[in-house]
Structures are given as structure tokens and as C-alpha cells.
Amino acid sequence: MLAVAGGKGGSGKTTTALGIAGALVKRRRRPVVVDCDLDAPNLHVRAGVDRDPGVDAPDPVAAAHESPALPRRGRRASGGR
């Protein structure tokens, strides 16, 4: 488990979390990113996915892996080898 935290808004926590998740996907891992910001959650906006289903979904891990924001297995990022 890895937590990305900070007290100030706009410091890049969401961008960092999505960047780490993308790097893990490239290494054939299956990251799950959870936005725990109770005041202004915006991970779903940056990831380009619906806010639902959330962690209370019947299978939140499967739902998370359907995110179009993360590269799919087998795809290479531009500039990759």
C-alpha cells in the first residue's frame, strides 16, 4: 500500500497517484487508486471515469481496472521500448 497525502490543495497529489498507478500498470501490476478526500474528491475527474461505481460496488477492483485513464496491459506508452 502506498499513500499520497498532503495538507494543501493543488499540490499534485492526484497527479502523482495517477502517475504511480500508470507506472505500475506498465510493470504488469494491477493498482487500485482510492480518493479519500471527503471535501473535494476529484480523482474520477482526472482519471476520466464516472464517480460510480465506488468502493461500495460489488467488485470495486474490477470496476477500477476498467478505467480508460490507465494504459492497458500489452500497450506501450509513447516513447517506450
Protein backbone atom coordinates (compact mmCIF):
# COMPACT_ATOMS: atom_id res chain seq x y z
CA MET A 1 0.00 0.00 0.00
CA LEU A 2 1.19 3.48 -0.81
CA ALA A 3 -0.46 6.68 0.40
CA VAL A 4 -0.05 10.04 -1.31
CA ALA A 5 -1.01 12.75 1.15
CA GLY A 6 -0.62 16.44 1.82
CA GLY A 7 -2.41 19.21 3.64
CA LYS A 8 -2.63 21.71 0.81
CA GLY A 9 -4.93 21.51 -2.18
CA GLY A 10 -3.45 21.79 -5.65
CA SER A 11 -0.06 20.36 -4.75
CA GLY A 12 -0.25 17.44 -7.23
CA LYS A 13 -1.41 14.54 -5.06
CA THR A 14 -3.91 13.24 -7.61
CA THR A 15 -1.46 13.66 -10.49
CA THR A 16 1.20 11.82 -8.50
CA ALA A 17 -1.16 8.99 -7.57
CA LEU A 18 -2.27 8.51 -11.18
CA GLY A 19 1.34 8.67 -12.38
CA ILE A 20 2.39 5.96 -9.92
CA ALA A 21 -0.60 3.83 -10.91
CA GLY A 22 0.28 4.22 -14.60
CA ALA A 23 3.89 3.20 -13.93
CA LEU A 24 2.71 0.13 -12.02
CA VAL A 25 0.43 -0.89 -14.90
CA LYS A 26 3.41 -0.69 -17.26
CA ARG A 27 5.13 -3.16 -14.94
CA ARG A 28 2.16 -5.52 -15.22
CA ARG A 29 0.79 -4.70 -11.78
CA ARG A 30 -2.86 -4.04 -11.01
CA PRO A 31 -3.03 -0.86 -8.91
CA VAL A 32 -6.20 0.39 -7.30
CA VAL A 33 -6.30 4.12 -6.61
CA VAL A 34 -8.76 5.40 -4.00
CA ASP A 35 -9.54 9.09 -3.50
CA CYS A 36 -10.10 9.56 0.24
CA ASP A 37 -10.67 13.32 0.04
CA LEU A 38 -14.01 13.79 1.75
CA ASP A 39 -14.28 17.50 0.93
CA ALA A 40 -13.41 17.61 -2.76
CA PRO A 41 -12.72 14.23 -4.36
CA ASN A 42 -11.56 14.69 -7.94
CA LEU A 43 -9.65 11.55 -8.86
CA HIS A 44 -12.55 10.38 -11.02
CA VAL A 45 -12.42 13.65 -12.97
CA ARG A 46 -8.67 13.41 -13.62
CA ALA A 47 -8.95 9.70 -14.47
CA GLY A 48 -11.83 10.38 -16.86
CA VAL A 49 -14.22 7.89 -15.27
CA ASP A 50 -17.63 8.04 -13.65
CA ARG A 51 -17.68 8.55 -9.93
CA ASP A 52 -19.68 5.35 -9.63
CA PRO A 53 -19.10 2.51 -9.05
CA GLY A 54 -17.16 3.33 -5.92
CA VAL A 55 -15.55 1.21 -3.24
CA ASP A 56 -19.02 0.07 -2.19
CA ALA A 57 -19.58 -1.58 -5.60
CA PRO A 58 -19.97 -5.38 -5.71
CA ASP A 59 -16.49 -5.68 -7.29
CA PRO A 60 -14.67 -2.32 -6.96
CA VAL A 61 -11.32 -3.74 -8.09
CA ALA A 62 -12.77 -4.98 -11.38
CA ALA A 63 -14.52 -1.64 -11.87
CA ALA A 64 -11.28 0.24 -11.20
CA HIS A 65 -9.43 -1.75 -13.83
CA GLU A 66 -11.90 -0.61 -16.48
CA SER A 67 -10.55 2.95 -16.18
CA PRO A 68 -9.60 4.41 -19.56
CA ALA A 69 -7.07 6.66 -17.78
CA LEU A 70 -4.58 3.86 -17.26
CA PRO A 71 -2.76 2.07 -20.07
CA ARG A 72 -3.92 -1.48 -20.70
CA ARG A 73 -1.63 -4.43 -20.36
CA GLY A 74 0.33 -5.06 -23.52
CA ARG A 75 0.17 -1.42 -24.59
CA ARG A 76 3.30 0.62 -24.53
CA ALA A 77 3.41 4.26 -23.63
CA SER A 78 4.68 6.51 -26.40
CA GLY A 79 8.44 6.62 -26.39
CA GLY A 80 8.67 3.22 -24.71
CA ARG A 81 10.88 0.38 -25.83
